[in-house]
Amino acid sequence: MPIYEYMPKSAGCATCRSGIERLQKLSDPPLTACPDCGAPLERVINAPQVVAGQSHVLREGHLAKHGFTQYRKVGKGKYEKTAGNGPPTISDD
């Protein structure tokens, strides 16, 4: 569910003056008035938050620490362990 930001069309109360953020479903109707003072609101379009870099990718050391095992394909039907507990190789034969 996205977080929508709303700003008052005119001077609002302390709640809506600097903007209101609401977690809403896409199918929910937009807010039209401040829940406290009733001032008319309009939805503000903002840039989406984007994950940059590789900080969101799990590293091999983190995989093992959290109990996961990672394998790398080394041939047709053969896999070699790169991190975690488990058998050192897996093959389909």
PDB file of N, CA and C in Angstrom:
ATOM      1  N   MET A   1       0.843  -1.177   0.000  1.00  0.00           N
ATOM      2  CA  MET A   1       0.000   0.000   0.000  1.00  0.00           C
ATOM      3  C   MET A   1       0.888   1.240   0.000  1.00  0.00           C
ATOM      4  N   PRO A   2       0.572   2.196  -0.864  1.00  0.00           N
ATOM      5  CA  PRO A   2       1.372   3.417  -0.924  1.00  0.00           C
ATOM      6  C   PRO A   2       1.013   4.403   0.176  1.00  0.00           C
ATOM      7  N   ILE A   3       1.961   5.271   0.458  1.00  0.00           N
ATOM      8  CA  ILE A   3       1.734   6.371   1.395  1.00  0.00           C
ATOM      9  C   ILE A   3       1.459   7.616   0.560  1.00  0.00           C
ATOM     10  N   TYR A   4       0.297   8.219   0.780  1.00  0.00           N
ATOM     11  CA  TYR A   4      -0.092   9.429   0.059  1.00  0.00           C
ATOM     12  C   TYR A   4       0.087  10.635   0.963  1.00  0.00           C
ATOM     13  N   GLU A   5       0.506  11.754   0.360  1.00  0.00           N
ATOM     14  CA  GLU A   5       0.665  12.997   1.100  1.00  0.00           C
ATOM     15  C   GLU A   5      -0.402  13.985   0.633  1.00  0.00           C
ATOM     16  N   TYR A   6      -1.030  14.637   1.590  1.00  0.00           N
ATOM     17  CA  TYR A   6      -2.073  15.617   1.311  1.00  0.00           C
ATOM     18  C   TYR A   6      -1.672  16.958   1.901  1.00  0.00           C
ATOM     19  N   MET A   7      -1.965  18.040   1.177  1.00  0.00           N
ATOM     20  CA  MET A   7      -1.710  19.403   1.639  1.00  0.00           C
ATOM     21  C   MET A   7      -3.024  20.168   1.602  1.00  0.00           C
ATOM     22  N   PRO A   8      -3.222  21.107   2.558  1.00  0.00           N
ATOM     23  CA  PRO A   8      -4.456  21.903   2.553  1.00  0.00           C
ATOM     24  C   PRO A   8      -4.448  22.905   1.398  1.00  0.00           C
ATOM     25  N   LYS A   9      -5.631  23.142   0.816  1.00  0.00           N
ATOM     26  CA  LYS A   9      -5.747  24.127  -0.265  1.00  0.00           C
ATOM     27  C   LYS A   9      -5.699  25.549   0.290  1.00  0.00           C
ATOM     28  N   SER A  10      -6.072  25.705   1.538  1.00  0.00           N
ATOM     29  CA  SER A  10      -6.019  27.013   2.212  1.00  0.00           C
ATOM     30  C   SER A  10      -5.357  26.802   3.569  1.00  0.00           C
ATOM     31  N   ALA A  11      -5.304  27.838   4.365  1.00  0.00           N
ATOM     32  CA  ALA A  11      -4.701  27.707   5.703  1.00  0.00           C
ATOM     33  C   ALA A  11      -5.478  26.674   6.502  1.00  0.00           C
ATOM     34  N   GLY A  12      -4.764  25.740   7.084  1.00  0.00           N
ATOM     35  CA  GLY A  12      -5.404  24.676   7.853  1.00  0.00           C
ATOM     36  C   GLY A  12      -5.019  24.749   9.313  1.00  0.00           C
ATOM     37  N   CYS A  13      -5.325  23.685  10.018  1.00  0.00           N
ATOM     38  CA  CYS A  13      -5.008  23.602  11.446  1.00  0.00           C
ATOM     39  C   CYS A  13      -3.575  23.098  11.635  1.00  0.00           C
ATOM     40  N   ALA A  14      -3.182  22.910  12.880  1.00  0.00           N
ATOM     41  CA  ALA A  14      -1.835  22.423  13.190  1.00  0.00           C
ATOM     42  C   ALA A  14      -1.613  21.015  12.633  1.00  0.00           C
ATOM     43  N   THR A  15      -2.672  20.237  12.488  1.00  0.00           N
ATOM     44  CA  THR A  15      -2.551  18.872  11.970  1.00  0.00           C
ATOM     45  C   THR A  15      -2.231  18.853  10.483  1.00  0.00           C
ATOM     46  N   CYS A  16      -2.924  19.683   9.705  1.00  0.00           N
ATOM     47  CA  CYS A  16      -2.780  19.597   8.247  1.00  0.00           C
ATOM     48  C   CYS A  16      -1.922  20.700   7.635  1.00  0.00           C
ATOM     49  N   ARG A  17      -1.523  21.688   8.398  1.00  0.00           N
ATOM     50  CA  ARG A  17      -0.780  22.834   7.865  1.00  0.00           C
ATOM     51  C   ARG A  17       0.499  22.409   7.150  1.00  0.00           C
ATOM     52  N   SER A  18       1.234  21.462   7.732  1.00  0.00           N
ATOM     53  CA  SER A  18       2.490  21.021   7.109  1.00  0.00           C
ATOM     54  C   SER A  18       2.303  19.758   6.274  1.00  0.00           C
ATOM     55  N   GLY A  19       1.078  19.283   6.168  1.00  0.00           N
ATOM     56  CA  GLY A  19       0.799  18.114   5.339  1.00  0.00           C
ATOM     57  C   GLY A  19       0.406  16.910   6.174  1.00  0.00           C
ATOM     58  N   ILE A  20      -0.361  16.020   5.557  1.00  0.00           N
ATOM     59  CA  ILE A  20      -0.817  14.788   6.195  1.00  0.00           C
ATOM     60  C   ILE A  20      -0.374  13.621   5.324  1.00  0.00           C
ATOM     61  N   GLU A  21       0.161  12.594   5.934  1.00  0.00           N
ATOM     62  CA  GLU A  21       0.520  11.373   5.213  1.00  0.00           C
ATOM     63  C   GLU A  21      -0.429  10.268   5.640  1.00  0.00           C
ATOM     64  N   ARG A  22      -0.942   9.511   4.662  1.00  0.00           N
ATOM     65  CA  ARG A  22      -1.855   8.417   4.949  1.00  0.00           C
ATOM     66  C   ARG A  22      -1.454   7.182   4.153  1.00  0.00           C
ATOM     67  N   LEU A  23      -1.432   6.041   4.834  1.00  0.00           N
ATOM     68  CA  LEU A  23      -1.209   4.750   4.192  1.00  0.00           C
ATOM     69  C   LEU A  23      -2.569   4.278   3.709  1.00  0.00           C
ATOM     70  N   GLN A  24      -2.750   4.203   2.378  1.00  0.00           N
ATOM     71  CA  GLN A  24      -4.043   3.866   1.803  1.00  0.00           C
ATOM     72  C   GLN A  24      -3.889   2.820   0.708  1.00  0.00           C
ATOM     73  N   LYS A  25      -4.947   2.042   0.514  1.00  0.00           N
ATOM     74  CA  LYS A  25      -4.998   1.122  -0.616  1.00  0.00           C
ATOM     75  C   LYS A  25      -5.165   1.938  -1.890  1.00  0.00           C
ATOM     76  N   LEU A  26      -4.781   1.361  -3.022  1.00  0.00           N
ATOM     77  CA  LEU A  26      -4.967   2.044  -4.296  1.00  0.00           C
ATOM     78  C   LEU A  26      -6.445   2.267  -4.581  1.00  0.00           C
ATOM     79  N   SER A  27      -7.290   1.354  -4.098  1.00  0.00           N
ATOM     80  CA  SER A  27      -8.724   1.451  -4.360  1.00  0.00           C
ATOM     81  C   SER A  27      -9.442   2.412  -3.416  1.00  0.00           C
ATOM     82  N   ASP A  28      -8.779   2.884  -2.346  1.00  0.00           N
ATOM     83  CA  ASP A  28      -9.405   3.821  -1.409  1.00  0.00           C
ATOM     84  C   ASP A  28      -9.585   5.181  -2.068  1.00  0.00           C
ATOM     85  N   PRO A  29     -10.703   5.865  -1.787  1.00  0.00           N
ATOM     86  CA  PRO A  29     -10.875   7.216  -2.335  1.00  0.00           C
ATOM     87  C   PRO A  29      -9.925   8.191  -1.643  1.00  0.00           C
ATOM     88  N   PRO A  30      -9.473   9.224  -2.347  1.00  0.00           N
ATOM     89  CA  PRO A  30      -8.560  10.184  -1.719  1.00  0.00           C
ATOM     90  C   PRO A  30      -9.281  10.999  -0.646  1.00  0.00           C
ATOM     91  N   LEU A  31      -8.510  11.478   0.328  1.00  0.00           N
ATOM     92  CA  LEU A  31      -9.065  12.361   1.351  1.00  0.00           C
ATOM     93  C   LEU A  31      -9.453  13.680   0.698  1.00  0.00           C
ATOM     94  N   THR A  32     -10.565  14.245   1.116  1.00  0.00           N
ATOM     95  CA  THR A  32     -10.996  15.530   0.574  1.00  0.00           C
ATOM     96  C   THR A  32     -10.959  16.635   1.620  1.00  0.00           C
ATOM     97  N   ALA A  33     -10.964  16.248   2.912  1.00  0.00           N
ATOM     98  CA  ALA A  33     -10.968  17.240   3.982  1.00  0.00           C
ATOM     99  C   ALA A  33     -10.125  16.746   5.152  1.00  0.00           C
ATOM    100  N   CYS A  34      -9.563  17.696   5.889  1.00  0.00           N
ATOM    101  CA  CYS A  34      -8.777  17.383   7.083  1.00  0.00           C
ATOM    102  C   CYS A  34      -9.688  16.730   8.114  1.00  0.00           C
ATOM    103  N   PRO A  35      -9.244  15.635   8.733  1.00  0.00           N
ATOM    104  CA  PRO A  35     -10.091  14.982   9.734  1.00  0.00           C
ATOM    105  C   PRO A  35     -10.312  15.832  10.985  1.00  0.00           C
ATOM    106  N   ASP A  36      -9.449  16.818  11.259  1.00  0.00           N
ATOM    107  CA  ASP A  36      -9.599  17.642  12.462  1.00  0.00           C
ATOM    108  C   ASP A  36     -10.382  18.935  12.208  1.00  0.00           C
ATOM    109  N   CYS A  37      -9.971  19.701  11.181  1.00  0.00           N
ATOM    110  CA  CYS A  37     -10.587  21.014  10.977  1.00  0.00           C
ATOM    111  C   CYS A  37     -11.525  21.073   9.775  1.00  0.00           C
ATOM    112  N   GLY A  38     -11.490  20.085   8.899  1.00  0.00           N
ATOM    113  CA  GLY A  38     -12.370  20.068   7.739  1.00  0.00           C
ATOM    114  C   GLY A  38     -11.881  20.891   6.562  1.00  0.00           C
ATOM    115  N   ALA A  39     -10.650  21.417   6.625  1.00  0.00           N
ATOM    116  CA  ALA A  39     -10.100  22.198   5.513  1.00  0.00           C
ATOM    117  C   ALA A  39      -9.958  21.302   4.283  1.00  0.00           C
ATOM    118  N   PRO A  40     -10.258  21.841   3.089  1.00  0.00           N
ATOM    119  CA  PRO A  40     -10.139  21.024   1.880  1.00  0.00           C
ATOM    120  C   PRO A  40      -8.675  20.635   1.625  1.00  0.00           C
ATOM    121  N   LEU A  41      -8.468  19.378   1.224  1.00  0.00           N
ATOM    122  CA  LEU A  41      -7.126  18.853   0.968  1.00  0.00           C
ATOM    123  C   LEU A  41      -6.971  18.468  -0.492  1.00  0.00           C
ATOM    124  N   GLU A  42      -5.736  18.488  -0.953  1.00  0.00           N
ATOM    125  CA  GLU A  42      -5.420  17.958  -2.286  1.00  0.00           C
ATOM    126  C   GLU A  42      -4.216  17.034  -2.158  1.00  0.00           C
ATOM    127  N   ARG A  43      -4.239  15.965  -2.959  1.00  0.00           N
ATOM    128  CA  ARG A  43      -3.149  14.994  -2.930  1.00  0.00           C
ATOM    129  C   ARG A  43      -1.944  15.572  -3.652  1.00  0.00           C
ATOM    130  N   VAL A  44      -0.763  15.419  -3.063  1.00  0.00           N
ATOM    131  CA  VAL A  44       0.481  15.932  -3.621  1.00  0.00           C
ATOM    132  C   VAL A  44       1.227  14.768  -4.268  1.00  0.00           C
ATOM    133  N   ILE A  45       1.691  14.975  -5.485  1.00  0.00           N
ATOM    134  CA  ILE A  45       2.466  13.956  -6.188  1.00  0.00           C
ATOM    135  C   ILE A  45       3.925  14.085  -5.769  1.00  0.00           C
ATOM    136  N   ASN A  46       4.505  13.008  -5.276  1.00  0.00           N
ATOM    137  CA  ASN A  46       5.909  12.984  -4.859  1.00  0.00           C
ATOM    138  C   ASN A  46       6.649  11.909  -5.629  1.00  0.00           C
ATOM    139  N   ALA A  47       7.944  12.034  -5.658  1.00  0.00           N
ATOM    140  CA  ALA A  47       8.774  11.021  -6.303  1.00  0.00           C
ATOM    141  C   ALA A  47       8.759   9.751  -5.459  1.00  0.00           C
ATOM    142  N   PRO A  48       8.744   8.580  -6.090  1.00  0.00           N
ATOM    143  CA  PRO A  48       8.777   7.339  -5.316  1.00  0.00           C
ATOM    144  C   PRO A  48      10.139   7.142  -4.669  1.00  0.00           C
ATOM    145  N   GLN A  49      10.154   6.401  -3.573  1.00  0.00           N
ATOM    146  CA  GLN A  49      11.415   6.096  -2.910  1.00  0.00           C
ATOM    147  C   GLN A  49      12.038   4.901  -3.623  1.00  0.00           C
ATOM    148  N   VAL A  50      13.278   5.043  -4.022  1.00  0.00           N
ATOM    149  CA  VAL A  50      13.974   4.021  -4.781  1.00  0.00           C
ATOM    150  C   VAL A  50      15.188   3.547  -3.996  1.00  0.00           C
ATOM    151  N   VAL A  51      15.395   2.237  -3.954  1.00  0.00           N
ATOM    152  CA  VAL A  51      16.566   1.680  -3.293  1.00  0.00           C
ATOM    153  C   VAL A  51      17.732   1.788  -4.260  1.00  0.00           C
ATOM    154  N   ALA A  52      18.812   2.424  -3.842  1.00  0.00           N
ATOM    155  CA  ALA A  52      19.973   2.612  -4.691  1.00  0.00           C
ATOM    156  C   ALA A  52      21.147   1.816  -4.150  1.00  0.00           C
ATOM    157  N   GLY A  53      22.006   1.403  -5.029  1.00  0.00           N
ATOM    158  CA  GLY A  53      23.190   0.667  -4.614  1.00  0.00           C
ATOM    159  C   GLY A  53      22.887  -0.800  -4.359  1.00  0.00           C
ATOM    160  N   GLN A  54      23.776  -1.460  -3.674  1.00  0.00           N
ATOM    161  CA  GLN A  54      23.649  -2.885  -3.424  1.00  0.00           C
ATOM    162  C   GLN A  54      23.395  -3.186  -1.948  1.00  0.00           C
ATOM    163  N   SER A  55      22.994  -2.182  -1.163  1.00  0.00           N
ATOM    164  CA  SER A  55      22.804  -2.398   0.270  1.00  0.00           C
ATOM    165  C   SER A  55      21.634  -3.329   0.563  1.00  0.00           C
ATOM    166  N   HIS A  56      20.692  -3.480  -0.392  1.00  0.00           N
ATOM    167  CA  HIS A  56      19.542  -4.337  -0.178  1.00  0.00           C
ATOM    168  C   HIS A  56      19.812  -5.797  -0.549  1.00  0.00           C
ATOM    169  N   VAL A  57      20.969  -6.085  -1.128  1.00  0.00           N
ATOM    170  CA  VAL A  57      21.309  -7.445  -1.544  1.00  0.00           C
ATOM    171  C   VAL A  57      21.975  -8.174  -0.371  1.00  0.00           C
ATOM    172  N   LEU A  58      21.557  -9.409  -0.135  1.00  0.00           N
ATOM    173  CA  LEU A  58      22.158 -10.188   0.950  1.00  0.00           C
ATOM    174  C   LEU A  58      23.571 -10.623   0.574  1.00  0.00           C
ATOM    175  N   ARG A  59      24.487 -10.462   1.483  1.00  0.00           N
ATOM    176  CA  ARG A  59      25.856 -10.921   1.272  1.00  0.00           C
ATOM    177  C   ARG A  59      25.988 -12.344   1.810  1.00  0.00           C
ATOM    178  N   GLU A  60      26.991 -13.055   1.333  1.00  0.00           N
ATOM    179  CA  GLU A  60      27.165 -14.452   1.738  1.00  0.00           C
ATOM    180  C   GLU A  60      27.308 -14.591   3.244  1.00  0.00           C
ATOM    181  N   GLY A  61      28.012 -13.684   3.889  1.00  0.00           N
ATOM    182  CA  GLY A  61      28.179 -13.743   5.334  1.00  0.00           C
ATOM    183  C   GLY A  61      26.856 -13.572   6.079  1.00  0.00           C
ATOM    184  N   HIS A  62      25.991 -12.725   5.544  1.00  0.00           N
ATOM    185  CA  HIS A  62      24.691 -12.529   6.170  1.00  0.00           C
ATOM    186  C   HIS A  62      23.785 -13.738   5.960  1.00  0.00           C
ATOM    187  N   LEU A  63      23.881 -14.390   4.817  1.00  0.00           N
ATOM    188  CA  LEU A  63      23.053 -15.567   4.548  1.00  0.00           C
ATOM    189  C   LEU A  63      23.310 -16.646   5.584  1.00  0.00           C
ATOM    190  N   ALA A  64      24.583 -16.962   5.803  1.00  0.00           N
ATOM    191  CA  ALA A  64      24.943 -18.014   6.754  1.00  0.00           C
ATOM    192  C   ALA A  64      24.533 -17.626   8.173  1.00  0.00           C
ATOM    193  N   LYS A  65      24.706 -16.363   8.518  1.00  0.00           N
ATOM    194  CA  LYS A  65      24.372 -15.899   9.855  1.00  0.00           C
ATOM    195  C   LYS A  65      22.883 -16.056  10.153  1.00  0.00           C
ATOM    196  N   HIS A  66      22.048 -15.923   9.135  1.00  0.00           N
ATOM    197  CA  HIS A  66      20.603 -16.019   9.314  1.00  0.00           C
ATOM    198  C   HIS A  66      20.056 -17.410   8.998  1.00  0.00           C
ATOM    199  N   GLY A  67      20.936 -18.392   8.812  1.00  0.00           N
ATOM    200  CA  GLY A  67      20.502 -19.771   8.656  1.00  0.00           C
ATOM    201  C   GLY A  67      20.180 -20.207   7.239  1.00  0.00           C
ATOM    202  N   PHE A  68      20.559 -19.434   6.231  1.00  0.00           N
ATOM    203  CA  PHE A  68      20.312 -19.809   4.847  1.00  0.00           C
ATOM    204  C   PHE A  68      21.557 -20.437   4.240  1.00  0.00           C
ATOM    205  N   THR A  69      21.344 -21.244   3.222  1.00  0.00           N
ATOM    206  CA  THR A  69      22.441 -21.830   2.464  1.00  0.00           C
ATOM    207  C   THR A  69      22.316 -21.364   1.030  1.00  0.00           C
ATOM    208  N   GLN A  70      23.433 -20.964   0.418  1.00  0.00           N
ATOM    209  CA  GLN A  70      23.434 -20.491  -0.962  1.00  0.00           C
ATOM    210  C   GLN A  70      24.294 -21.416  -1.802  1.00  0.00           C
ATOM    211  N   TYR A  71      23.802 -21.756  -2.974  1.00  0.00           N
ATOM    212  CA  TYR A  71      24.533 -22.598  -3.912  1.00  0.00           C
ATOM    213  C   TYR A  71      24.730 -21.849  -5.216  1.00  0.00           C
ATOM    214  N   ARG A  72      25.833 -22.194  -5.923  1.00  0.00           N
ATOM    215  CA  ARG A  72      26.161 -21.595  -7.215  1.00  0.00           C
ATOM    216  C   ARG A  72      26.229 -22.729  -8.232  1.00  0.00           C
ATOM    217  N   LYS A  73      25.654 -22.524  -9.408  1.00  0.00           N
ATOM    218  CA  LYS A  73      25.660 -23.540 -10.458  1.00  0.00           C
ATOM    219  C   LYS A  73      27.063 -23.641 -11.050  1.00  0.00           C
ATOM    220  N   VAL A  74      27.631 -24.857 -11.067  1.00  0.00           N
ATOM    221  CA  VAL A  74      28.981 -25.065 -11.584  1.00  0.00           C
ATOM    222  C   VAL A  74      28.980 -25.959 -12.818  1.00  0.00           C
ATOM    223  N   GLY A  75      27.892 -26.528 -13.149  1.00  0.00           N
ATOM    224  CA  GLY A  75      27.787 -27.394 -14.316  1.00  0.00           C
ATOM    225  C   GLY A  75      26.343 -27.791 -14.513  1.00  0.00           C
ATOM    226  N   LYS A  76      26.100 -28.617 -15.537  1.00  0.00           N
ATOM    227  CA  LYS A  76      24.735 -29.043 -15.818  1.00  0.00           C
ATOM    228  C   LYS A  76      24.246 -29.944 -14.678  1.00  0.00           C
ATOM    229  N   GLY A  77      23.297 -29.443 -13.900  1.00  0.00           N
ATOM    230  CA  GLY A  77      22.741 -30.212 -12.797  1.00  0.00           C
ATOM    231  C   GLY A  77      23.633 -30.308 -11.575  1.00  0.00           C
ATOM    232  N   LYS A  78      24.703 -29.491 -11.500  1.00  0.00           N
ATOM    233  CA  LYS A  78      25.622 -29.530 -10.357  1.00  0.00           C
ATOM    234  C   LYS A  78      25.719 -28.145  -9.726  1.00  0.00           C
ATOM    235  N   TYR A  79      25.641 -28.138  -8.406  1.00  0.00           N
ATOM    236  CA  TYR A  79      25.693 -26.896  -7.648  1.00  0.00           C
ATOM    237  C   TYR A  79      26.697 -27.034  -6.516  1.00  0.00           C
ATOM    238  N   GLU A  80      27.408 -25.936  -6.238  1.00  0.00           N
ATOM    239  CA  GLU A  80      28.431 -25.915  -5.209  1.00  0.00           C
ATOM    240  C   GLU A  80      28.028 -24.901  -4.131  1.00  0.00           C
ATOM    241  N   LYS A  81      28.193 -25.279  -2.870  1.00  0.00           N
ATOM    242  CA  LYS A  81      27.826 -24.399  -1.760  1.00  0.00           C
ATOM    243  C   LYS A  81      28.767 -23.215  -1.690  1.00  0.00           C
ATOM    244  N   THR A  82      28.195 -22.010  -1.540  1.00  0.00           N
ATOM    245  CA  THR A  82      29.011 -20.807  -1.385  1.00  0.00           C
ATOM    246  C   THR A  82      28.861 -20.199  -0.002  1.00  0.00           C
ATOM    247  N   ALA A  83      27.763 -20.501   0.702  1.00  0.00           N
ATOM    248  CA  ALA A  83      27.561 -19.945   2.043  1.00  0.00           C
ATOM    249  C   ALA A  83      26.574 -20.802   2.812  1.00  0.00           C
ATOM    250  N   GLY A  84      26.742 -20.853   4.128  1.00  0.00           N
ATOM    251  CA  GLY A  84      25.791 -21.522   4.999  1.00  0.00           C
ATOM    252  C   GLY A  84      26.119 -22.972   5.279  1.00  0.00           C
ATOM    253  N   ASN A  85      25.214 -23.622   6.004  1.00  0.00           N
ATOM    254  CA  ASN A  85      25.355 -25.034   6.337  1.00  0.00           C
ATOM    255  C   ASN A  85      24.624 -25.857   5.292  1.00  0.00           C
ATOM    256  N   GLY A  86      25.085 -27.053   5.089  1.00  0.00           N
ATOM    257  CA  GLY A  86      24.462 -27.948   4.109  1.00  0.00           C
ATOM    258  C   GLY A  86      25.512 -28.747   3.398  1.00  0.00           C
ATOM    259  N   PRO A  87      25.066 -29.650   2.540  1.00  0.00           N
ATOM    260  CA  PRO A  87      26.052 -30.445   1.811  1.00  0.00           C
ATOM    261  C   PRO A  87      26.918 -29.566   0.911  1.00  0.00           C
ATOM    262  N   PRO A  88      28.189 -29.929   0.727  1.00  0.00           N
ATOM    263  CA  PRO A  88      29.087 -29.085  -0.076  1.00  0.00           C
ATOM    264  C   PRO A  88      28.692 -29.015  -1.541  1.00  0.00           C
ATOM    265  N   THR A  89      28.058 -30.062  -2.081  1.00  0.00           N
ATOM    266  CA  THR A  89      27.614 -30.033  -3.477  1.00  0.00           C
ATOM    267  C   THR A  89      26.248 -30.692  -3.579  1.00  0.00           C
ATOM    268  N   ILE A  90      25.529 -30.329  -4.629  1.00  0.00           N
ATOM    269  CA  ILE A  90      24.243 -30.932  -4.958  1.00  0.00           C
ATOM    270  C   ILE A  90      24.282 -31.277  -6.430  1.00  0.00           C
ATOM    271  N   SER A  91      23.863 -32.481  -6.791  1.00  0.00           N
ATOM    272  CA  SER A  91      23.807 -32.859  -8.199  1.00  0.00           C
ATOM    273  C   SER A  91      22.531 -33.634  -8.446  1.00  0.00           C
ATOM    274  N   ASP A  92      22.124 -33.717  -9.722  1.00  0.00           N
ATOM    275  CA  ASP A  92      20.880 -34.410 -10.056  1.00  0.00           C
ATOM    276  C   ASP A  92      21.063 -35.889 -10.320  1.00  0.00           C
ATOM    277  N   ASP A  93      22.274 -36.440 -10.163  1.00  0.00           N
ATOM    278  CA  ASP A  93      22.465 -37.874 -10.401  1.00  0.00           C
ATOM    279  C   ASP A  93      22.442 -38.688  -9.169  1.00  0.00           C
TER     280      ASP A  93
END
